[in-house]
Amino acid sequence: MQDVYNFSWKDLGDLEEGRPNLGDETSVISYRLMQYTFKDVFSKEMGKQKTLELFVRAGNLAGRQFCLNVLDKSLPFNDFIADLKEKLVALKIGILRVEKSDQEKMEYTLTVSEDLDCSGLPIFDEAVCDYDEGFISGIFEVYSGKKFTTSEVDCWAKGDRTCRFEVKSIGN
């Protein structure tokens, strides 16, 4: 799957050299400050729907790069998921759980608790984890070589206590 974007993992830089005192971690507040101000400004400039589409595409690019550079794609599916769970916790992105898995249809239901994007937010009556939808799709696409769509069906910002995603292979 060829990228049309210029981003590559090396663009993240050498954090040991660049942040010898502060290291490679930051607060959830600073991450959300960046994400939600981007969403607000982009929505005003391009409209809400286009902004959400772009956040899904950016998440997809990030998920593909994450899979290529952080995960072991050679593992069998269950071991790959175990590796993904471990890395998401280690990087403090969230706690992944697979609720349903149909490997024949390539359809999955996943939950992510303590999600970086929304856990603890006030209730907005709408799902807000569009970046996560793209991120999850991108990971599954690189691992499987097939195209995926991910839809958030439950979200903290809708009053749920975990984010739940339906992940499905498309057009294969």
N, C-alpha and C. Protein backbone atom coordinates (compact mmCIF):
# COMPACT_ATOMS: atom_id res chain seq x y z
N MET A 1 0.85 -1.18 0.00
CA MET A 1 0.00 0.00 0.00
C MET A 1 0.90 1.25 0.00
N GLN A 2 0.89 1.97 -1.08
CA GLN A 2 1.77 3.12 -1.25
C GLN A 2 1.15 4.36 -0.61
N ASP A 3 1.96 5.10 0.11
CA ASP A 3 1.51 6.34 0.75
C ASP A 3 1.59 7.50 -0.23
N VAL A 4 0.60 8.36 -0.19
CA VAL A 4 0.64 9.58 -0.99
C VAL A 4 1.16 10.74 -0.14
N TYR A 5 1.47 10.46 1.10
CA TYR A 5 1.92 11.49 2.02
C TYR A 5 3.44 11.44 2.18
N ASN A 6 4.01 12.52 2.66
CA ASN A 6 5.46 12.62 2.82
C ASN A 6 5.95 12.15 4.17
N PHE A 7 5.06 12.02 5.14
CA PHE A 7 5.47 11.66 6.50
C PHE A 7 6.17 10.31 6.53
N SER A 8 7.24 10.24 7.31
CA SER A 8 7.86 8.95 7.62
C SER A 8 8.24 8.95 9.11
N TRP A 9 8.41 7.78 9.64
CA TRP A 9 8.67 7.62 11.07
C TRP A 9 9.87 8.44 11.52
N LYS A 10 10.88 8.56 10.68
CA LYS A 10 12.10 9.31 11.05
C LYS A 10 11.80 10.79 11.27
N ASP A 11 10.69 11.28 10.73
CA ASP A 11 10.31 12.67 10.94
C ASP A 11 10.00 12.98 12.40
N LEU A 12 9.82 11.97 13.21
CA LEU A 12 9.57 12.17 14.64
C LEU A 12 10.83 12.60 15.38
N GLY A 13 11.98 12.41 14.75
CA GLY A 13 13.24 12.90 15.31
C GLY A 13 13.86 11.98 16.34
N ASP A 14 14.98 12.43 16.86
CA ASP A 14 15.73 11.72 17.89
C ASP A 14 15.42 12.37 19.23
N LEU A 15 14.49 11.76 19.95
CA LEU A 15 14.03 12.37 21.20
C LEU A 15 15.07 12.28 22.32
N GLU A 16 15.92 11.27 22.27
CA GLU A 16 16.98 11.18 23.28
C GLU A 16 17.92 12.37 23.15
N GLU A 17 18.25 12.73 21.92
CA GLU A 17 19.14 13.87 21.69
C GLU A 17 18.40 15.19 21.94
N GLY A 18 17.19 15.31 21.43
CA GLY A 18 16.47 16.56 21.48
C GLY A 18 15.82 16.89 22.82
N ARG A 19 15.54 15.86 23.62
CA ARG A 19 14.87 16.07 24.91
C ARG A 19 15.59 15.28 26.00
N PRO A 20 16.88 15.60 26.23
CA PRO A 20 17.65 14.81 27.20
C PRO A 20 17.12 14.92 28.63
N ASN A 21 16.43 15.98 28.96
CA ASN A 21 15.91 16.16 30.32
C ASN A 21 14.43 15.80 30.44
N LEU A 22 13.65 16.12 29.42
CA LEU A 22 12.21 15.89 29.50
C LEU A 22 11.79 14.52 28.96
N GLY A 23 12.64 13.91 28.15
CA GLY A 23 12.35 12.57 27.65
C GLY A 23 11.26 12.54 26.60
N ASP A 24 10.73 11.33 26.37
CA ASP A 24 9.80 11.13 25.26
C ASP A 24 8.33 11.15 25.69
N GLU A 25 8.03 11.51 26.91
CA GLU A 25 6.64 11.53 27.37
C GLU A 25 6.15 12.96 27.56
N THR A 26 4.83 13.11 27.45
CA THR A 26 4.18 14.38 27.68
C THR A 26 2.86 14.11 28.39
N SER A 27 2.13 15.14 28.69
CA SER A 27 0.85 14.95 29.38
C SER A 27 -0.28 14.78 28.38
N VAL A 28 -1.33 14.12 28.82
CA VAL A 28 -2.54 13.98 28.01
C VAL A 28 -3.12 15.37 27.72
N ILE A 29 -3.02 16.27 28.69
CA ILE A 29 -3.53 17.64 28.51
C ILE A 29 -2.89 18.30 27.28
N SER A 30 -1.56 18.20 27.15
CA SER A 30 -0.91 18.87 26.02
C SER A 30 -1.28 18.20 24.70
N TYR A 31 -1.44 16.88 24.69
CA TYR A 31 -1.88 16.18 23.49
C TYR A 31 -3.28 16.63 23.10
N ARG A 32 -4.20 16.63 24.07
CA ARG A 32 -5.58 17.02 23.77
C ARG A 32 -5.69 18.50 23.42
N LEU A 33 -4.87 19.33 24.04
CA LEU A 33 -4.86 20.76 23.70
C LEU A 33 -4.55 20.94 22.22
N MET A 34 -3.55 20.22 21.73
CA MET A 34 -3.19 20.31 20.32
C MET A 34 -4.32 19.73 19.45
N GLN A 35 -4.80 18.54 19.78
CA GLN A 35 -5.80 17.89 18.95
C GLN A 35 -7.10 18.70 18.87
N TYR A 36 -7.62 19.13 20.00
CA TYR A 36 -8.91 19.80 20.00
C TYR A 36 -8.84 21.24 19.49
N THR A 37 -7.71 21.91 19.62
CA THR A 37 -7.59 23.24 19.00
C THR A 37 -7.44 23.10 17.49
N PHE A 38 -6.70 22.07 17.03
CA PHE A 38 -6.65 21.80 15.58
C PHE A 38 -8.06 21.58 15.05
N LYS A 39 -8.82 20.71 15.73
CA LYS A 39 -10.18 20.41 15.27
C LYS A 39 -11.04 21.67 15.21
N ASP A 40 -10.93 22.51 16.20
CA ASP A 40 -11.75 23.72 16.24
C ASP A 40 -11.38 24.67 15.10
N VAL A 41 -10.10 24.93 14.94
CA VAL A 41 -9.65 25.85 13.88
C VAL A 41 -9.96 25.26 12.50
N PHE A 42 -9.65 23.99 12.28
CA PHE A 42 -9.91 23.38 10.98
C PHE A 42 -11.40 23.37 10.66
N SER A 43 -12.23 23.09 11.68
CA SER A 43 -13.69 23.08 11.47
C SER A 43 -14.20 24.45 11.03
N LYS A 44 -13.66 25.50 11.62
CA LYS A 44 -14.08 26.85 11.25
C LYS A 44 -13.61 27.20 9.83
N GLU A 45 -12.46 26.69 9.45
CA GLU A 45 -11.89 27.01 8.14
C GLU A 45 -12.43 26.13 7.01
N MET A 46 -12.66 24.83 7.31
CA MET A 46 -13.02 23.86 6.26
C MET A 46 -14.36 23.19 6.46
N GLY A 47 -14.97 23.39 7.61
CA GLY A 47 -16.21 22.70 7.92
C GLY A 47 -15.93 21.47 8.78
N LYS A 48 -16.93 21.12 9.57
CA LYS A 48 -16.76 20.01 10.51
C LYS A 48 -16.55 18.67 9.80
N GLN A 49 -17.35 18.38 8.78
CA GLN A 49 -17.26 17.08 8.10
C GLN A 49 -15.89 16.88 7.47
N LYS A 50 -15.38 17.89 6.78
CA LYS A 50 -14.06 17.77 6.13
C LYS A 50 -12.97 17.59 7.19
N THR A 51 -13.09 18.29 8.32
CA THR A 51 -12.13 18.15 9.41
C THR A 51 -12.12 16.72 9.94
N LEU A 52 -13.29 16.16 10.18
CA LEU A 52 -13.36 14.79 10.69
C LEU A 52 -12.76 13.80 9.69
N GLU A 53 -13.04 14.00 8.40
CA GLU A 53 -12.45 13.14 7.36
C GLU A 53 -10.93 13.22 7.38
N LEU A 54 -10.41 14.43 7.54
CA LEU A 54 -8.95 14.59 7.56
C LEU A 54 -8.34 13.97 8.81
N PHE A 55 -9.03 14.05 9.95
CA PHE A 55 -8.51 13.41 11.16
C PHE A 55 -8.51 11.90 11.01
N VAL A 56 -9.50 11.33 10.35
CA VAL A 56 -9.50 9.89 10.09
C VAL A 56 -8.32 9.54 9.18
N ARG A 57 -8.10 10.33 8.13
CA ARG A 57 -6.98 10.05 7.21
C ARG A 57 -5.64 10.19 7.91
N ALA A 58 -5.51 11.21 8.77
CA ALA A 58 -4.25 11.38 9.52
C ALA A 58 -4.06 10.21 10.48
N GLY A 59 -5.12 9.79 11.14
CA GLY A 59 -5.04 8.63 12.02
C GLY A 59 -4.64 7.38 11.26
N ASN A 60 -5.17 7.22 10.06
CA ASN A 60 -4.83 6.07 9.23
C ASN A 60 -3.35 6.07 8.89
N LEU A 61 -2.83 7.22 8.50
CA LEU A 61 -1.40 7.35 8.20
C LEU A 61 -0.58 7.01 9.45
N ALA A 62 -0.99 7.53 10.59
CA ALA A 62 -0.28 7.24 11.84
C ALA A 62 -0.35 5.76 12.18
N GLY A 63 -1.51 5.14 12.02
CA GLY A 63 -1.66 3.72 12.31
C GLY A 63 -0.79 2.86 11.41
N ARG A 64 -0.72 3.21 10.14
CA ARG A 64 0.14 2.45 9.21
C ARG A 64 1.60 2.59 9.60
N GLN A 65 2.03 3.82 9.90
CA GLN A 65 3.42 4.02 10.31
C GLN A 65 3.72 3.33 11.64
N PHE A 66 2.76 3.37 12.55
CA PHE A 66 2.91 2.70 13.85
C PHE A 66 3.10 1.20 13.64
N CYS A 67 2.28 0.61 12.80
CA CYS A 67 2.38 -0.82 12.54
C CYS A 67 3.72 -1.16 11.89
N LEU A 68 4.14 -0.37 10.92
CA LEU A 68 5.40 -0.62 10.22
C LEU A 68 6.62 -0.47 11.12
N ASN A 69 6.56 0.44 12.08
CA ASN A 69 7.75 0.79 12.86
C ASN A 69 7.76 0.32 14.31
N VAL A 70 6.62 -0.09 14.83
CA VAL A 70 6.55 -0.46 16.24
C VAL A 70 6.11 -1.91 16.44
N LEU A 71 5.28 -2.42 15.55
CA LEU A 71 4.69 -3.75 15.74
C LEU A 71 5.40 -4.81 14.89
N ASP A 72 5.26 -6.06 15.31
CA ASP A 72 5.84 -7.19 14.59
C ASP A 72 4.76 -7.79 13.69
N LYS A 73 4.79 -7.43 12.40
CA LYS A 73 3.78 -7.87 11.44
C LYS A 73 3.91 -9.34 11.09
N SER A 74 5.02 -9.99 11.45
CA SER A 74 5.23 -11.39 11.11
C SER A 74 4.51 -12.35 12.06
N LEU A 75 3.98 -11.82 13.15
CA LEU A 75 3.34 -12.66 14.16
C LEU A 75 1.97 -13.17 13.68
N PRO A 76 1.58 -14.36 14.14
CA PRO A 76 0.19 -14.79 13.90
C PRO A 76 -0.77 -13.81 14.57
N PHE A 77 -2.02 -13.77 14.11
CA PHE A 77 -2.97 -12.75 14.52
C PHE A 77 -3.05 -12.57 16.04
N ASN A 78 -3.28 -13.62 16.79
CA ASN A 78 -3.44 -13.48 18.25
C ASN A 78 -2.19 -12.91 18.91
N ASP A 79 -1.03 -13.32 18.43
CA ASP A 79 0.23 -12.78 18.97
C ASP A 79 0.42 -11.32 18.56
N PHE A 80 0.01 -11.00 17.33
CA PHE A 80 0.07 -9.62 16.86
C PHE A 80 -0.80 -8.72 17.74
N ILE A 81 -2.01 -9.18 18.04
CA ILE A 81 -2.91 -8.40 18.90
C ILE A 81 -2.31 -8.25 20.30
N ALA A 82 -1.69 -9.30 20.81
CA ALA A 82 -1.03 -9.21 22.13
C ALA A 82 0.09 -8.17 22.10
N ASP A 83 0.86 -8.16 21.01
CA ASP A 83 1.92 -7.16 20.85
C ASP A 83 1.32 -5.76 20.77
N LEU A 84 0.24 -5.60 20.02
CA LEU A 84 -0.43 -4.31 19.90
C LEU A 84 -0.92 -3.84 21.26
N LYS A 85 -1.57 -4.72 22.01
CA LYS A 85 -2.05 -4.36 23.36
C LYS A 85 -0.91 -3.87 24.23
N GLU A 86 0.18 -4.61 24.21
CA GLU A 86 1.35 -4.27 25.04
C GLU A 86 1.91 -2.90 24.66
N LYS A 87 2.03 -2.63 23.37
CA LYS A 87 2.61 -1.36 22.90
C LYS A 87 1.68 -0.19 23.21
N LEU A 88 0.38 -0.39 23.08
CA LEU A 88 -0.56 0.69 23.38
C LEU A 88 -0.51 1.08 24.86
N VAL A 89 -0.35 0.09 25.73
CA VAL A 89 -0.22 0.37 27.16
C VAL A 89 1.13 1.03 27.44
N ALA A 90 2.20 0.48 26.87
CA ALA A 90 3.54 1.03 27.11
C ALA A 90 3.63 2.49 26.69
N LEU A 91 2.96 2.84 25.61
CA LEU A 91 2.98 4.22 25.11
C LEU A 91 1.84 5.06 25.70
N LYS A 92 1.08 4.46 26.59
CA LYS A 92 -0.01 5.14 27.30
C LYS A 92 -1.06 5.71 26.35
N ILE A 93 -1.33 4.96 25.28
CA ILE A 93 -2.35 5.34 24.31
C ILE A 93 -3.72 4.86 24.76
N GLY A 94 -3.78 3.67 25.35
CA GLY A 94 -5.04 3.11 25.82
C GLY A 94 -4.90 1.63 26.11
N ILE A 95 -5.96 1.07 26.66
CA ILE A 95 -5.99 -0.35 27.01
C ILE A 95 -6.95 -1.04 26.05
N LEU A 96 -6.39 -1.83 25.15
CA LEU A 96 -7.13 -2.51 24.10
C LEU A 96 -7.67 -3.85 24.58
N ARG A 97 -8.90 -4.13 24.17
CA ARG A 97 -9.50 -5.44 24.42
C ARG A 97 -10.27 -5.84 23.17
N VAL A 98 -10.14 -7.10 22.78
CA VAL A 98 -10.90 -7.62 21.64
C VAL A 98 -12.15 -8.29 22.19
N GLU A 99 -13.31 -7.74 21.86
CA GLU A 99 -14.57 -8.33 22.32
C GLU A 99 -15.06 -9.42 21.39
N LYS A 100 -14.93 -9.19 20.08
CA LYS A 100 -15.36 -10.17 19.08
C LYS A 100 -14.32 -10.21 17.98
N SER A 101 -14.12 -11.41 17.45
CA SER A 101 -13.16 -11.57 16.36
C SER A 101 -13.67 -12.63 15.40
N ASP A 102 -13.92 -12.23 14.17
CA ASP A 102 -14.29 -13.17 13.12
C ASP A 102 -13.21 -13.06 12.05
N GLN A 103 -12.23 -13.93 12.15
CA GLN A 103 -11.07 -13.84 11.26
C GLN A 103 -11.42 -14.20 9.83
N GLU A 104 -12.43 -15.04 9.64
CA GLU A 104 -12.83 -15.41 8.29
C GLU A 104 -13.41 -14.20 7.55
N LYS A 105 -14.32 -13.46 8.21
CA LYS A 105 -14.90 -12.26 7.62
C LYS A 105 -14.01 -11.03 7.80
N MET A 106 -13.01 -11.16 8.66
CA MET A 106 -12.14 -10.04 9.02
C MET A 106 -12.97 -8.90 9.59
N GLU A 107 -13.77 -9.23 10.62
CA GLU A 107 -14.58 -8.27 11.35
C GLU A 107 -14.29 -8.41 12.83
N TYR A 108 -14.13 -7.27 13.49
CA TYR A 108 -13.71 -7.27 14.90
C TYR A 108 -14.47 -6.19 15.66
N THR A 109 -14.68 -6.44 16.93
CA THR A 109 -15.17 -5.42 17.84
C THR A 109 -14.09 -5.24 18.90
N LEU A 110 -13.59 -4.02 19.01
CA LEU A 110 -12.51 -3.70 19.95
C LEU A 110 -12.99 -2.63 20.91
N THR A 111 -12.47 -2.67 22.12
CA THR A 111 -12.67 -1.55 23.03
C THR A 111 -11.31 -0.98 23.38
N VAL A 112 -11.29 0.30 23.63
CA VAL A 112 -10.09 0.97 24.12
C VAL A 112 -10.51 1.77 25.35
N SER A 113 -10.03 1.35 26.50
CA SER A 113 -10.31 2.05 27.75
C SER A 113 -9.16 3.01 28.06
N GLU A 114 -9.46 4.02 28.86
CA GLU A 114 -8.50 5.06 29.21
C GLU A 114 -7.87 5.65 27.95
N ASP A 115 -8.71 5.81 26.95
CA ASP A 115 -8.32 6.29 25.63
C ASP A 115 -7.67 7.67 25.72
N LEU A 116 -6.59 7.83 25.00
CA LEU A 116 -5.84 9.09 24.98
C LEU A 116 -6.71 10.26 24.50
N ASP A 117 -7.62 9.99 23.58
CA ASP A 117 -8.40 11.07 22.97
C ASP A 117 -9.59 11.53 23.79
N CYS A 118 -10.22 10.66 24.57
CA CYS A 118 -11.50 11.11 25.12
C CYS A 118 -11.83 10.70 26.55
N SER A 119 -11.15 9.75 27.13
CA SER A 119 -11.53 9.32 28.48
C SER A 119 -11.46 10.49 29.45
N GLY A 120 -12.58 10.73 30.13
CA GLY A 120 -12.66 11.84 31.07
C GLY A 120 -13.25 13.11 30.51
N LEU A 121 -13.53 13.15 29.20
CA LEU A 121 -14.13 14.35 28.61
C LEU A 121 -15.56 14.53 29.10
N PRO A 122 -16.06 15.76 29.03
CA PRO A 122 -17.49 15.96 29.30
C PRO A 122 -18.31 15.29 28.19
N ILE A 123 -19.58 15.09 28.44
CA ILE A 123 -20.44 14.46 27.44
C ILE A 123 -20.82 15.47 26.38
N PHE A 124 -20.53 15.12 25.11
CA PHE A 124 -20.84 15.97 23.96
C PHE A 124 -21.99 15.40 23.14
N ASP A 125 -22.47 14.21 23.49
CA ASP A 125 -23.51 13.52 22.74
C ASP A 125 -23.08 13.14 21.32
N GLU A 126 -21.80 13.03 21.10
CA GLU A 126 -21.30 12.52 19.82
C GLU A 126 -19.94 11.88 20.05
N ALA A 127 -19.64 10.88 19.22
CA ALA A 127 -18.33 10.23 19.27
C ALA A 127 -17.28 11.21 18.77
N VAL A 128 -16.10 11.19 19.39
CA VAL A 128 -15.06 12.16 19.02
C VAL A 128 -13.75 11.50 18.58
N CYS A 129 -13.70 10.18 18.57
CA CYS A 129 -12.43 9.48 18.33
C CYS A 129 -12.22 9.15 16.85
N ASP A 130 -12.44 10.12 15.98
CA ASP A 130 -12.26 9.92 14.55
C ASP A 130 -10.79 9.61 14.20
N TYR A 131 -9.85 10.24 14.88
CA TYR A 131 -8.43 9.94 14.67
C TYR A 131 -8.15 8.48 15.00
N ASP A 132 -8.75 7.99 16.09
CA ASP A 132 -8.58 6.59 16.50
C ASP A 132 -9.17 5.63 15.46
N GLU A 133 -10.29 6.02 14.85
CA GLU A 133 -10.87 5.17 13.80
C GLU A 133 -9.84 4.95 12.69
N GLY A 134 -9.23 6.02 12.25
CA GLY A 134 -8.21 5.90 11.21
C GLY A 134 -6.99 5.13 11.68
N PHE A 135 -6.56 5.37 12.91
CA PHE A 135 -5.39 4.71 13.49
C PHE A 135 -5.59 3.19 13.49
N ILE A 136 -6.74 2.75 13.96
CA ILE A 136 -7.02 1.31 14.02
C ILE A 136 -7.08 0.73 12.62
N SER A 137 -7.77 1.40 11.70
CA SER A 137 -7.83 0.92 10.31
C SER A 137 -6.44 0.79 9.72
N GLY A 138 -5.61 1.80 9.93
CA GLY A 138 -4.25 1.78 9.37
C GLY A 138 -3.44 0.60 9.88
N ILE A 139 -3.55 0.29 11.17
CA ILE A 139 -2.83 -0.86 11.74
C ILE A 139 -3.30 -2.14 11.07
N PHE A 140 -4.61 -2.34 11.00
CA PHE A 140 -5.15 -3.57 10.40
C PHE A 140 -4.80 -3.66 8.91
N GLU A 141 -4.77 -2.54 8.21
CA GLU A 141 -4.45 -2.55 6.79
C GLU A 141 -3.01 -3.01 6.54
N VAL A 142 -2.08 -2.48 7.32
CA VAL A 142 -0.68 -2.88 7.13
C VAL A 142 -0.49 -4.34 7.51
N TYR A 143 -1.09 -4.75 8.61
CA TYR A 143 -0.93 -6.13 9.06
C TYR A 143 -1.50 -7.12 8.04
N SER A 144 -2.68 -6.82 7.51
CA SER A 144 -3.38 -7.78 6.65
C SER A 144 -3.15 -7.57 5.16
N GLY A 145 -2.76 -6.35 4.77
CA GLY A 145 -2.66 -6.04 3.35
C GLY A 145 -4.01 -5.76 2.71
N LYS A 146 -5.05 -5.63 3.50
CA LYS A 146 -6.40 -5.36 3.01
C LYS A 146 -6.89 -4.02 3.55
N LYS A 147 -7.88 -3.46 2.90
CA LYS A 147 -8.46 -2.18 3.31
C LYS A 147 -9.48 -2.42 4.42
N PHE A 148 -9.53 -1.51 5.40
CA PHE A 148 -10.46 -1.62 6.52
C PHE A 148 -11.19 -0.31 6.75
N THR A 149 -12.35 -0.43 7.34
CA THR A 149 -13.08 0.72 7.85
C THR A 149 -13.33 0.47 9.34
N THR A 150 -13.25 1.52 10.11
CA THR A 150 -13.48 1.43 11.55
C THR A 150 -14.49 2.49 11.94
N SER A 151 -15.49 2.09 12.70
CA SER A 151 -16.52 3.01 13.18
C SER A 151 -16.59 2.94 14.69
N GLU A 152 -16.55 4.11 15.32
CA GLU A 152 -16.72 4.15 16.76
C GLU A 152 -18.21 4.09 17.08
N VAL A 153 -18.61 3.09 17.85
CA VAL A 153 -20.03 2.91 18.18
C VAL A 153 -20.35 3.33 19.61
N ASP A 154 -19.36 3.35 20.48
CA ASP A 154 -19.50 3.85 21.85
C ASP A 154 -18.30 4.74 22.13
N CYS A 155 -18.54 5.81 22.89
CA CYS A 155 -17.48 6.77 23.17
C CYS A 155 -17.73 7.41 24.53
N TRP A 156 -16.66 7.68 25.24
CA TRP A 156 -16.76 8.37 26.53
C TRP A 156 -17.56 9.67 26.36
N ALA A 157 -17.30 10.38 25.28
CA ALA A 157 -17.95 11.67 25.06
C ALA A 157 -19.44 11.55 24.76
N LYS A 158 -19.92 10.31 24.54
CA LYS A 158 -21.36 10.07 24.39
C LYS A 158 -21.96 9.53 25.68
N GLY A 159 -21.14 9.42 26.71
CA GLY A 159 -21.63 8.94 27.99
C GLY A 159 -21.26 7.50 28.30
N ASP A 160 -20.52 6.87 27.41
CA ASP A 160 -20.06 5.50 27.64
C ASP A 160 -18.79 5.54 28.48
N ARG A 161 -18.40 4.43 29.05
CA ARG A 161 -17.20 4.41 29.89
C ARG A 161 -16.01 3.77 29.19
N THR A 162 -16.19 3.39 27.93
CA THR A 162 -15.09 2.90 27.11
C THR A 162 -15.43 3.23 25.66
N CYS A 163 -14.42 3.26 24.83
CA CYS A 163 -14.66 3.47 23.40
C CYS A 163 -14.74 2.09 22.76
N ARG A 164 -15.73 1.91 21.90
CA ARG A 164 -15.93 0.62 21.23
C ARG A 164 -15.91 0.88 19.73
N PHE A 165 -15.17 0.05 19.03
CA PHE A 165 -14.98 0.23 17.60
C PHE A 165 -15.36 -1.05 16.86
N GLU A 166 -16.09 -0.88 15.75
CA GLU A 166 -16.38 -1.98 14.83
C GLU A 166 -15.38 -1.84 13.68
N VAL A 167 -14.61 -2.89 13.47
CA VAL A 167 -13.55 -2.89 12.46
C VAL A 167 -13.88 -3.94 11.42
N LYS A 168 -13.95 -3.52 10.13
CA LYS A 168 -14.37 -4.44 9.08
C LYS A 168 -13.51 -4.27 7.84
N SER A 169 -13.15 -5.41 7.26
CA SER A 169 -12.47 -5.40 5.98
C SER A 169 -13.47 -4.98 4.90
N ILE A 170 -13.00 -4.16 3.96
CA ILE A 170 -13.91 -3.69 2.90
C ILE A 170 -13.31 -3.97 1.53
N GLY A 171 -14.20 -4.24 0.58
CA GLY A 171 -13.80 -4.37 -0.81
C GLY A 171 -12.82 -5.48 -1.12
N ASN A 172 -12.83 -6.55 -0.32
CA ASN A 172 -11.88 -7.64 -0.58
C ASN A 172 -12.59 -8.89 -1.02
